[in-house]
Amino acid sequence: MKILMYCLNYAPELTGIGKYTCEQAEWLAARGHEVRVVTAPPYYPAWRVGEGYRAWQYRREQRGPVEVSRAPVWVPRRPGGITRLLHLASFALSSLPSVMWQLRWRPDVLFVVEPPLMCAPGALLFARLSGCKTWLHVQDYEVDAAFALGLLRRPWLRRLALRVEHQLMSRFDRVSSISQAMVSLARGKGTQAVRTALLPNWINLQEIGAGNAAMARRALQIPGEAVVALYSGNMGAKQGLDVMAEAARLLASHKRLHFIFCGDGAGRAGLEAACAGLPRVRFLPLQPAGMFASLLAAADIHLLPQRAGAADLVMPSKLTGMLASARPIVATAEPETELGRVVAQCGVLVPPGDAAALANAIDSLAAQPALRAHLGGAGRRWAEQHLDRDMVLGDLERALFALVSHDPAGAAKAIGPGGE
């Protein structure tokens, strides 16, 4: 097949959506498909354009087997409600010529990754002109999340945005998302059930399983008897990071407990300030792929904070690595959310925003190595059953073939419509 991927984030970004779009493109290309990508310069999660790139430059490059076209994007220094909208709009407008240039190539499928949904009108126009099939993959419901987190507040704006979203999503041939709750939300936004699919974020189980914990601990100069509580990933608005700083402060007298906060984003400076003066708290930049598996393996406990309002509007991409690393997770999530249901099988749930409960859960797990091993093993088994990269992307490939061959029943059989 000839597959055009249209996405805001792509490699060399190390975390979040960019990591998955790149892995998907390269996996499909390795299977013999022609894959092209239209995207922006790398900027996430630091909200700074990466070295060697310019924000306002059109650029074409070859990354492995994939041809990548980059379109300009405005990157705000302090992303907020309105500035995020302008950021997304800048890419939607600047990328339209790059997408339309692909009309001469005539792809079989246009695979659009949300956010930003603002790219959907141009994508649907392209499909009408080219005759290709359209697939919308929702990594993050940015409209709902913006209002749930208080980034946008005006009720009339919410009504307008949801009406537009409904109209756009209902016009795609296929709409997928990364959790059952998010698939159900797509149906509530006007997508027919037969057109929906569950496409979870995946993990390379062999790569994560090969992590060298001892090497990582030596490099970080962590004592062998220490218990490490790790947070690794984006540091932004949806994470509710402040609760980790409060928990670290409550556990400051715990001599064996070490906290490692690894990542970047708009919330890192605030988290560092909140942890100032605390012993055994260390901050690291995002780690390259070669070190990431070892860092996960070096942890004894993974921390997964999440703000209450965003629980079923996003599914944290960092969860896949945590599960595959065979380490228990302490998450701030309600038990009735999908994140809560997954973590309940392999970790401990505490109420969002409750630093005392988070500290107690960390303290309890730190004292119980057998329980940590049991919960971590359950998480690894869950990842093996549901998140193996070749299994997930193999299902996607079959669904794409069925979509291109005008076989919606086959597409639903290949990847599944997503359960309730």
Foldseek 3Di string as FASTA:
>chain_A
DEEEEEEAAAPPPFADPNVQVHVLQVVVVVVPYAYEYEYAAHQPFFLHGDPPDDQQDWDWDDDDRYIYTHWHFDGDNADFQVNVVRRQVRCLVRRLVVLLVCLVVLGQEYEYEDVVCSNLVSVLVSCVSRVHAYEYEYQFPVLQVCCLLVSDPDPVVSVVVLLVQLVRLQPHQAYEYAALLQLVVSVVSNHDLLRYFHQHAFDALVLLQPAAQVVVCVVVVQDPQAAEEEEEHRQDRFFLLLLVLLLLVVCLVVVRYAYEYEEHHNRPVVSCVSNPPRPRYYYYYHDHSNNVSNVLLNHQEYEGGGAASCQSRHDGSVLLSNLSSLFQYEYQYDCVGPNNVLNVQQYHYDHHPDSVVSNVRVVVSSVPSVSRNNSSVRSNVVSVVPHHPCQSSQLVVQLSVCVSVVNSVSNCVSRNSRDD
